[in-house]
N, C-alpha and C. Protein backbone atom coordinates (compact mmCIF):
# COMPACT_ATOMS: atom_id res chain seq x y z
N MET A 1 60.39 6.38 -86.15
CA MET A 1 59.43 6.90 -85.33
C MET A 1 58.27 5.97 -85.07
N MET A 2 58.35 5.09 -85.41
CA MET A 2 57.33 4.10 -85.27
C MET A 2 57.14 3.69 -83.80
N ILE A 3 58.17 3.59 -83.15
CA ILE A 3 58.06 3.20 -81.75
C ILE A 3 57.40 4.36 -80.99
N MET A 4 57.73 5.51 -81.39
CA MET A 4 57.14 6.65 -80.70
C MET A 4 55.66 6.72 -81.01
N ASP A 5 55.32 6.43 -82.22
CA ASP A 5 53.92 6.45 -82.60
C ASP A 5 53.16 5.35 -81.84
N ILE A 6 53.78 4.22 -81.74
CA ILE A 6 53.13 3.10 -81.04
C ILE A 6 53.01 3.46 -79.55
N CYS A 7 54.01 4.02 -79.01
CA CYS A 7 53.97 4.41 -77.59
C CYS A 7 52.90 5.46 -77.38
N ALA A 8 52.79 6.39 -78.30
CA ALA A 8 51.78 7.44 -78.17
C ALA A 8 50.39 6.83 -78.26
N VAL A 9 50.20 5.87 -79.17
CA VAL A 9 48.90 5.22 -79.31
C VAL A 9 48.59 4.43 -78.04
N VAL A 10 49.57 3.72 -77.49
CA VAL A 10 49.36 2.94 -76.26
C VAL A 10 49.05 3.89 -75.10
N ILE A 11 49.77 4.99 -75.05
CA ILE A 11 49.51 5.95 -73.97
C ILE A 11 48.12 6.54 -74.13
N ALA A 12 47.73 6.86 -75.35
CA ALA A 12 46.41 7.42 -75.61
C ALA A 12 45.34 6.39 -75.26
N ALA A 13 45.56 5.12 -75.62
CA ALA A 13 44.59 4.07 -75.32
C ALA A 13 44.49 3.87 -73.80
N ALA A 14 45.63 3.90 -73.12
CA ALA A 14 45.63 3.75 -71.67
C ALA A 14 44.91 4.93 -71.03
N PHE A 15 45.12 6.13 -71.57
CA PHE A 15 44.46 7.31 -71.03
C PHE A 15 42.95 7.20 -71.22
N VAL A 16 42.53 6.75 -72.43
CA VAL A 16 41.11 6.57 -72.72
C VAL A 16 40.52 5.52 -71.77
N ALA A 17 41.23 4.38 -71.58
CA ALA A 17 40.74 3.32 -70.69
C ALA A 17 40.67 3.83 -69.25
N LEU A 18 41.69 4.56 -68.85
CA LEU A 18 41.72 5.11 -67.50
C LEU A 18 40.60 6.12 -67.31
N THR A 19 40.37 6.94 -68.29
CA THR A 19 39.29 7.94 -68.22
C THR A 19 37.94 7.24 -68.17
N ALA A 20 37.77 6.20 -68.99
CA ALA A 20 36.50 5.45 -69.00
C ALA A 20 36.29 4.79 -67.63
N PHE A 21 37.33 4.19 -67.09
CA PHE A 21 37.22 3.56 -65.78
C PHE A 21 36.90 4.61 -64.71
N LEU A 22 37.54 5.77 -64.82
CA LEU A 22 37.31 6.85 -63.87
C LEU A 22 35.87 7.36 -63.97
N ILE A 23 35.35 7.44 -65.19
CA ILE A 23 33.96 7.87 -65.38
C ILE A 23 33.01 6.86 -64.74
N VAL A 24 33.24 5.58 -64.94
CA VAL A 24 32.39 4.53 -64.35
C VAL A 24 32.47 4.61 -62.82
N THR A 25 33.65 4.78 -62.30
CA THR A 25 33.84 4.87 -60.85
C THR A 25 33.13 6.10 -60.29
N LEU A 26 33.28 7.23 -60.97
CA LEU A 26 32.63 8.45 -60.50
C LEU A 26 31.11 8.33 -60.55
N ARG A 27 30.59 7.64 -61.57
CA ARG A 27 29.14 7.44 -61.64
C ARG A 27 28.68 6.54 -60.49
N SER A 28 29.45 5.52 -60.15
CA SER A 28 29.11 4.65 -59.02
C SER A 28 29.14 5.44 -57.71
N VAL A 29 30.16 6.26 -57.56
CA VAL A 29 30.27 7.08 -56.35
C VAL A 29 29.11 8.07 -56.28
N SER A 30 28.76 8.64 -57.45
CA SER A 30 27.64 9.58 -57.50
C SER A 30 26.34 8.89 -57.12
N ALA A 31 26.12 7.67 -57.63
CA ALA A 31 24.91 6.92 -57.28
C ALA A 31 24.92 6.58 -55.78
N LEU A 32 26.07 6.20 -55.27
CA LEU A 32 26.20 5.89 -53.85
C LEU A 32 25.91 7.12 -52.99
N LEU A 33 26.44 8.26 -53.40
CA LEU A 33 26.18 9.50 -52.66
C LEU A 33 24.69 9.88 -52.72
N SER A 34 24.07 9.64 -53.85
CA SER A 34 22.64 9.92 -53.99
C SER A 34 21.83 9.02 -53.06
N GLN A 35 22.18 7.74 -53.00
CA GLN A 35 21.49 6.82 -52.09
C GLN A 35 21.73 7.21 -50.63
N THR A 36 22.96 7.62 -50.34
CA THR A 36 23.29 8.04 -48.98
C THR A 36 22.48 9.28 -48.60
N HIS A 37 22.39 10.21 -49.56
CA HIS A 37 21.61 11.43 -49.31
C HIS A 37 20.14 11.07 -49.04
N THR A 38 19.59 10.17 -49.84
CA THR A 38 18.20 9.74 -49.66
C THR A 38 18.02 9.06 -48.30
N ALA A 39 18.97 8.20 -47.94
CA ALA A 39 18.89 7.50 -46.65
C ALA A 39 18.96 8.48 -45.49
N ILE A 40 19.84 9.47 -45.62
CA ILE A 40 19.97 10.48 -44.56
C ILE A 40 18.68 11.29 -44.44
N GLN A 41 18.07 11.64 -45.57
CA GLN A 41 16.80 12.38 -45.54
C GLN A 41 15.70 11.54 -44.86
N GLU A 42 15.64 10.26 -45.20
CA GLU A 42 14.65 9.38 -44.57
C GLU A 42 14.89 9.26 -43.07
N MET A 43 16.17 9.15 -42.69
CA MET A 43 16.50 9.05 -41.26
C MET A 43 16.12 10.33 -40.53
N ARG A 44 16.36 11.48 -41.17
CA ARG A 44 15.98 12.75 -40.54
C ARG A 44 14.47 12.78 -40.32
N HIS A 45 13.73 12.36 -41.34
CA HIS A 45 12.27 12.34 -41.22
C HIS A 45 11.83 11.39 -40.10
N GLU A 46 12.43 10.21 -40.06
CA GLU A 46 12.09 9.24 -39.02
C GLU A 46 12.53 9.74 -37.64
N MET A 47 13.68 10.39 -37.58
CA MET A 47 14.16 10.92 -36.31
C MET A 47 13.22 12.00 -35.77
N LYS A 48 12.64 12.80 -36.67
CA LYS A 48 11.68 13.80 -36.22
C LYS A 48 10.47 13.11 -35.59
N GLY A 49 10.00 12.03 -36.23
CA GLY A 49 8.88 11.27 -35.67
C GLY A 49 9.24 10.63 -34.33
N ILE A 50 10.44 10.05 -34.27
CA ILE A 50 10.89 9.41 -33.03
C ILE A 50 11.06 10.45 -31.93
N ALA A 51 11.65 11.60 -32.30
CA ALA A 51 11.83 12.67 -31.31
C ALA A 51 10.48 13.17 -30.80
N LYS A 52 9.51 13.29 -31.70
CA LYS A 52 8.17 13.73 -31.29
C LYS A 52 7.55 12.69 -30.36
N ASP A 53 7.67 11.41 -30.73
CA ASP A 53 7.13 10.35 -29.87
C ASP A 53 7.82 10.34 -28.50
N ALA A 54 9.15 10.51 -28.52
CA ALA A 54 9.89 10.54 -27.25
C ALA A 54 9.46 11.73 -26.40
N SER A 55 9.24 12.88 -27.04
CA SER A 55 8.77 14.06 -26.30
C SER A 55 7.39 13.81 -25.71
N ASP A 56 6.52 13.16 -26.50
CA ASP A 56 5.18 12.84 -25.99
C ASP A 56 5.26 11.89 -24.80
N VAL A 57 6.13 10.89 -24.91
CA VAL A 57 6.30 9.93 -23.81
C VAL A 57 6.83 10.65 -22.57
N LEU A 58 7.81 11.54 -22.76
CA LEU A 58 8.36 12.28 -21.63
C LEU A 58 7.31 13.18 -20.99
N ARG A 59 6.51 13.86 -21.83
CA ARG A 59 5.45 14.71 -21.29
C ARG A 59 4.44 13.86 -20.51
N HIS A 60 4.07 12.72 -21.08
CA HIS A 60 3.12 11.83 -20.40
C HIS A 60 3.72 11.32 -19.08
N THR A 61 5.00 10.94 -19.11
CA THR A 61 5.67 10.46 -17.91
C THR A 61 5.72 11.57 -16.85
N ASN A 62 6.02 12.78 -17.27
CA ASN A 62 6.04 13.90 -16.33
C ASN A 62 4.65 14.16 -15.74
N ALA A 63 3.63 14.05 -16.58
CA ALA A 63 2.26 14.24 -16.08
C ALA A 63 1.89 13.15 -15.08
N VAL A 64 2.25 11.91 -15.39
CA VAL A 64 1.95 10.80 -14.47
C VAL A 64 2.72 11.00 -13.16
N THR A 65 3.98 11.38 -13.26
CA THR A 65 4.79 11.61 -12.06
C THR A 65 4.18 12.73 -11.22
N ALA A 66 3.78 13.82 -11.86
CA ALA A 66 3.16 14.93 -11.12
C ALA A 66 1.86 14.47 -10.47
N ASP A 67 1.08 13.66 -11.17
CA ASP A 67 -0.18 13.16 -10.62
C ASP A 67 0.08 12.27 -9.41
N VAL A 68 1.07 11.38 -9.54
CA VAL A 68 1.41 10.49 -8.43
C VAL A 68 1.89 11.30 -7.22
N LEU A 69 2.73 12.30 -7.46
CA LEU A 69 3.21 13.14 -6.35
C LEU A 69 2.04 13.89 -5.70
N HIS A 70 1.13 14.39 -6.53
CA HIS A 70 -0.04 15.09 -5.99
C HIS A 70 -0.88 14.15 -5.13
N LYS A 71 -1.08 12.93 -5.61
CA LYS A 71 -1.88 11.96 -4.85
C LYS A 71 -1.17 11.53 -3.58
N LEU A 72 0.16 11.42 -3.63
CA LEU A 72 0.91 11.08 -2.42
C LEU A 72 0.79 12.19 -1.39
N HIS A 73 0.88 13.44 -1.85
CA HIS A 73 0.71 14.56 -0.93
C HIS A 73 -0.70 14.58 -0.35
N ALA A 74 -1.68 14.20 -1.17
CA ALA A 74 -3.06 14.16 -0.68
C ALA A 74 -3.24 13.04 0.35
N LEU A 75 -2.50 11.95 0.21
CA LEU A 75 -2.61 10.82 1.14
C LEU A 75 -1.80 11.02 2.42
N GLU A 76 -0.91 11.99 2.41
CA GLU A 76 -0.05 12.20 3.57
C GLU A 76 -0.85 12.45 4.86
N PRO A 77 -1.91 13.28 4.84
CA PRO A 77 -2.71 13.43 6.06
C PRO A 77 -3.35 12.11 6.52
N ALA A 78 -3.75 11.29 5.56
CA ALA A 78 -4.34 10.00 5.94
C ALA A 78 -3.30 9.12 6.64
N PHE A 79 -2.08 9.12 6.11
CA PHE A 79 -1.03 8.34 6.75
C PHE A 79 -0.72 8.90 8.15
N ASP A 80 -0.73 10.24 8.27
CA ASP A 80 -0.52 10.84 9.59
C ASP A 80 -1.63 10.43 10.55
N SER A 81 -2.87 10.42 10.05
CA SER A 81 -4.00 10.01 10.90
C SER A 81 -3.86 8.57 11.34
N VAL A 82 -3.47 7.70 10.41
CA VAL A 82 -3.27 6.29 10.76
C VAL A 82 -2.18 6.16 11.82
N LYS A 83 -1.13 6.96 11.67
CA LYS A 83 -0.04 6.93 12.65
C LYS A 83 -0.56 7.38 14.01
N GLN A 84 -1.36 8.47 14.02
CA GLN A 84 -1.90 8.96 15.28
C GLN A 84 -2.86 7.95 15.91
N VAL A 85 -3.67 7.29 15.08
CA VAL A 85 -4.57 6.26 15.60
C VAL A 85 -3.76 5.13 16.22
N GLY A 86 -2.69 4.75 15.56
CA GLY A 86 -1.83 3.70 16.11
C GLY A 86 -1.22 4.10 17.44
N GLU A 87 -0.76 5.36 17.51
CA GLU A 87 -0.18 5.84 18.76
C GLU A 87 -1.24 5.90 19.86
N ALA A 88 -2.46 6.35 19.49
CA ALA A 88 -3.54 6.41 20.48
C ALA A 88 -3.90 5.01 20.96
N ALA A 89 -3.96 4.06 20.02
CA ALA A 89 -4.27 2.67 20.40
C ALA A 89 -3.19 2.13 21.33
N GLU A 90 -1.95 2.48 21.05
CA GLU A 90 -0.85 2.04 21.91
C GLU A 90 -0.99 2.63 23.31
N GLU A 91 -1.35 3.93 23.38
CA GLU A 91 -1.54 4.56 24.69
C GLU A 91 -2.72 3.93 25.43
N ILE A 92 -3.81 3.67 24.72
CA ILE A 92 -4.98 3.05 25.35
C ILE A 92 -4.63 1.66 25.87
N THR A 93 -3.90 0.91 25.05
CA THR A 93 -3.49 -0.43 25.47
C THR A 93 -2.62 -0.35 26.72
N SER A 94 -1.71 0.61 26.73
CA SER A 94 -0.84 0.77 27.90
C SER A 94 -1.65 1.15 29.13
N THR A 95 -2.61 2.07 28.95
CA THR A 95 -3.44 2.50 30.08
C THR A 95 -4.30 1.35 30.59
N VAL A 96 -4.91 0.60 29.67
CA VAL A 96 -5.73 -0.55 30.07
C VAL A 96 -4.87 -1.59 30.79
N LYS A 97 -3.67 -1.77 30.31
CA LYS A 97 -2.77 -2.74 30.94
C LYS A 97 -2.45 -2.30 32.37
N GLN A 98 -2.15 -1.00 32.53
CA GLN A 98 -1.86 -0.49 33.87
C GLN A 98 -3.08 -0.59 34.77
N ALA A 99 -4.26 -0.25 34.23
CA ALA A 99 -5.49 -0.32 35.02
C ALA A 99 -5.78 -1.77 35.42
N SER A 100 -5.58 -2.69 34.49
CA SER A 100 -5.80 -4.11 34.79
C SER A 100 -4.87 -4.58 35.89
N ALA A 101 -3.64 -4.15 35.81
CA ALA A 101 -2.68 -4.54 36.85
C ALA A 101 -3.09 -3.95 38.20
N ALA A 102 -3.56 -2.69 38.20
CA ALA A 102 -3.99 -2.06 39.45
C ALA A 102 -5.21 -2.77 40.02
N VAL A 103 -6.18 -3.10 39.16
CA VAL A 103 -7.38 -3.82 39.62
C VAL A 103 -6.99 -5.19 40.16
N ALA A 104 -6.09 -5.86 39.46
CA ALA A 104 -5.66 -7.19 39.93
C ALA A 104 -4.99 -7.09 41.29
N ARG A 105 -4.16 -6.05 41.47
CA ARG A 105 -3.51 -5.88 42.78
C ARG A 105 -4.55 -5.58 43.86
N THR A 106 -5.53 -4.73 43.53
CA THR A 106 -6.57 -4.38 44.50
C THR A 106 -7.39 -5.61 44.88
N VAL A 107 -7.78 -6.39 43.87
CA VAL A 107 -8.56 -7.60 44.13
C VAL A 107 -7.75 -8.57 44.98
N GLN A 108 -6.50 -8.71 44.64
CA GLN A 108 -5.65 -9.62 45.40
C GLN A 108 -5.51 -9.13 46.85
N TYR A 109 -5.33 -7.81 47.02
CA TYR A 109 -5.20 -7.25 48.36
C TYR A 109 -6.48 -7.46 49.16
N LYS A 110 -7.63 -7.20 48.53
CA LYS A 110 -8.90 -7.38 49.23
C LYS A 110 -9.15 -8.85 49.54
N ALA A 111 -8.77 -9.72 48.60
CA ALA A 111 -8.96 -11.15 48.84
C ALA A 111 -8.12 -11.60 50.02
N GLU A 112 -6.90 -11.08 50.09
CA GLU A 112 -6.04 -11.44 51.22
C GLU A 112 -6.61 -10.88 52.52
N ALA A 113 -7.17 -9.65 52.46
CA ALA A 113 -7.73 -9.03 53.66
C ALA A 113 -9.00 -9.76 54.09
N GLU A 114 -9.78 -10.22 53.13
CA GLU A 114 -11.03 -10.88 53.45
C GLU A 114 -10.85 -12.34 53.85
N ASP A 115 -9.69 -12.90 53.57
CA ASP A 115 -9.46 -14.29 53.98
C ASP A 115 -9.63 -14.42 55.49
N GLY A 116 -9.19 -13.42 56.22
CA GLY A 116 -9.34 -13.44 57.67
C GLY A 116 -10.80 -13.31 58.06
N LEU A 117 -11.58 -12.53 57.31
CA LEU A 117 -12.99 -12.31 57.62
C LEU A 117 -13.88 -13.41 57.06
N SER A 118 -13.39 -14.16 56.10
CA SER A 118 -14.24 -15.14 55.42
C SER A 118 -14.70 -16.26 56.34
N ALA A 119 -13.91 -16.61 57.30
CA ALA A 119 -14.32 -17.68 58.22
C ALA A 119 -15.53 -17.23 59.03
N ALA A 120 -15.50 -16.01 59.53
CA ALA A 120 -16.63 -15.49 60.32
C ALA A 120 -17.84 -15.29 59.42
N ALA A 121 -17.61 -14.78 58.22
CA ALA A 121 -18.71 -14.52 57.29
C ALA A 121 -19.34 -15.83 56.85
N SER A 122 -18.55 -16.86 56.62
CA SER A 122 -19.14 -18.11 56.17
C SER A 122 -19.96 -18.76 57.28
N GLY A 123 -19.62 -18.55 58.53
CA GLY A 123 -20.44 -19.07 59.63
C GLY A 123 -21.79 -18.38 59.66
N LYS A 124 -21.81 -17.05 59.49
CA LYS A 124 -23.05 -16.28 59.47
C LYS A 124 -23.88 -16.65 58.25
N LEU A 125 -23.22 -16.87 57.13
CA LEU A 125 -23.92 -17.25 55.90
C LEU A 125 -24.57 -18.62 56.07
N ALA A 126 -23.89 -19.53 56.72
CA ALA A 126 -24.46 -20.86 56.94
C ALA A 126 -25.71 -20.77 57.82
N ILE A 127 -25.68 -19.93 58.85
CA ILE A 127 -26.85 -19.76 59.72
C ILE A 127 -28.01 -19.16 58.93
N ALA A 128 -27.69 -18.16 58.08
CA ALA A 128 -28.74 -17.51 57.28
C ALA A 128 -29.35 -18.51 56.30
N LEU A 129 -28.54 -19.34 55.70
CA LEU A 129 -29.05 -20.33 54.75
C LEU A 129 -29.92 -21.38 55.44
N LYS A 130 -29.60 -21.71 56.65
CA LYS A 130 -30.43 -22.67 57.40
C LYS A 130 -31.76 -22.03 57.78
N ALA A 131 -31.77 -20.72 57.98
CA ALA A 131 -33.00 -20.04 58.40
C ALA A 131 -33.95 -19.83 57.23
N VAL A 132 -33.48 -19.81 56.02
CA VAL A 132 -34.32 -19.54 54.85
C VAL A 132 -35.44 -20.57 54.72
N PRO A 133 -35.21 -21.88 54.77
CA PRO A 133 -36.32 -22.83 54.64
C PRO A 133 -37.36 -22.68 55.75
N VAL A 134 -36.90 -22.36 56.94
CA VAL A 134 -37.83 -22.19 58.06
C VAL A 134 -38.73 -20.99 57.79
N LEU A 135 -38.16 -19.90 57.31
CA LEU A 135 -38.92 -18.69 57.01
C LEU A 135 -39.92 -18.94 55.88
N ILE A 136 -39.51 -19.69 54.87
CA ILE A 136 -40.41 -20.00 53.75
C ILE A 136 -41.60 -20.81 54.25
N GLN A 137 -41.36 -21.78 55.09
CA GLN A 137 -42.43 -22.62 55.63
C GLN A 137 -43.38 -21.78 56.48
N LEU A 138 -42.85 -20.90 57.28
CA LEU A 138 -43.67 -20.03 58.11
C LEU A 138 -44.53 -19.12 57.25
N TRP A 139 -43.97 -18.58 56.20
CA TRP A 139 -44.71 -17.69 55.29
C TRP A 139 -45.85 -18.44 54.62
N ARG A 140 -45.60 -19.68 54.21
CA ARG A 140 -46.65 -20.50 53.58
C ARG A 140 -47.80 -20.76 54.55
N GLN A 141 -47.46 -20.94 55.79
CA GLN A 141 -48.51 -21.21 56.78
C GLN A 141 -49.32 -19.95 57.07
N LEU A 142 -48.69 -18.80 57.07
CA LEU A 142 -49.38 -17.56 57.37
C LEU A 142 -50.21 -17.07 56.18
N LYS A 143 -49.81 -17.33 55.01
CA LYS A 143 -50.47 -16.83 53.81
C LYS A 143 -51.89 -17.36 53.69
N PRO A 144 -52.18 -18.67 53.83
CA PRO A 144 -53.57 -19.12 53.73
C PRO A 144 -54.46 -18.50 54.80
N LYS A 145 -53.92 -18.27 55.96
CA LYS A 145 -54.72 -17.67 57.03
C LYS A 145 -55.08 -16.24 56.67
N GLN A 146 -54.16 -15.51 56.04
CA GLN A 146 -54.43 -14.13 55.65
C GLN A 146 -55.50 -14.09 54.58
N THR A 147 -55.44 -14.98 53.60
CA THR A 147 -56.43 -14.97 52.52
C THR A 147 -57.82 -15.30 53.06
N GLN A 148 -57.90 -16.19 54.03
CA GLN A 148 -59.20 -16.53 54.62
C GLN A 148 -59.75 -15.33 55.38
N THR A 149 -58.91 -14.62 56.09
CA THR A 149 -59.33 -13.44 56.84
C THR A 149 -59.80 -12.36 55.89
N GLU A 150 -59.16 -12.18 54.79
CA GLU A 150 -59.53 -11.17 53.80
C GLU A 150 -60.87 -11.51 53.18
N VAL A 151 -61.13 -12.79 52.94
CA VAL A 151 -62.38 -13.22 52.34
C VAL A 151 -63.53 -12.92 53.30
N ARG A 152 -63.34 -13.14 54.57
CA ARG A 152 -64.38 -12.88 55.57
C ARG A 152 -64.68 -11.39 55.66
N HIS A 153 -63.67 -10.55 55.55
CA HIS A 153 -63.89 -9.10 55.64
C HIS A 153 -64.61 -8.59 54.41
N VAL A 154 -64.37 -9.16 53.27
CA VAL A 154 -64.99 -8.73 52.02
C VAL A 154 -66.45 -9.16 52.02
N SER A 155 -66.77 -10.34 52.53
CA SER A 155 -68.14 -10.85 52.51
C SER A 155 -68.91 -10.10 53.51
């Protein structure tokens, strides 16, 4: 029976070694699970902070977006006014352009009509211009005589 006793002792020693190894492994797994649990708890805590920050950012973004939309709606009448001013300026420019063209046509028509009269008018103008110096000289001659006559009546 000796072999059986030796086999039993070897089996018992192997069982003890296997149990000891299993205990060490289970303790390592237990420590790992504890660390994992701690890490998960820390992540949950950090995720709550991140989620709160993200919510704050979203609320702020929504507020900014609402403010921008409100300001755009407030500016819409100004843009409409600018558009109307532009359209009015365009109409005025068009009207002035048409009026300028009409005046130019009228001036051109009158100039063409007066070309026939200009020869006669320039002859009369030349006679009038020649008469002006004669009239000025006559007036100068009459003026001293009038002042002398007035002086005699006053004295």
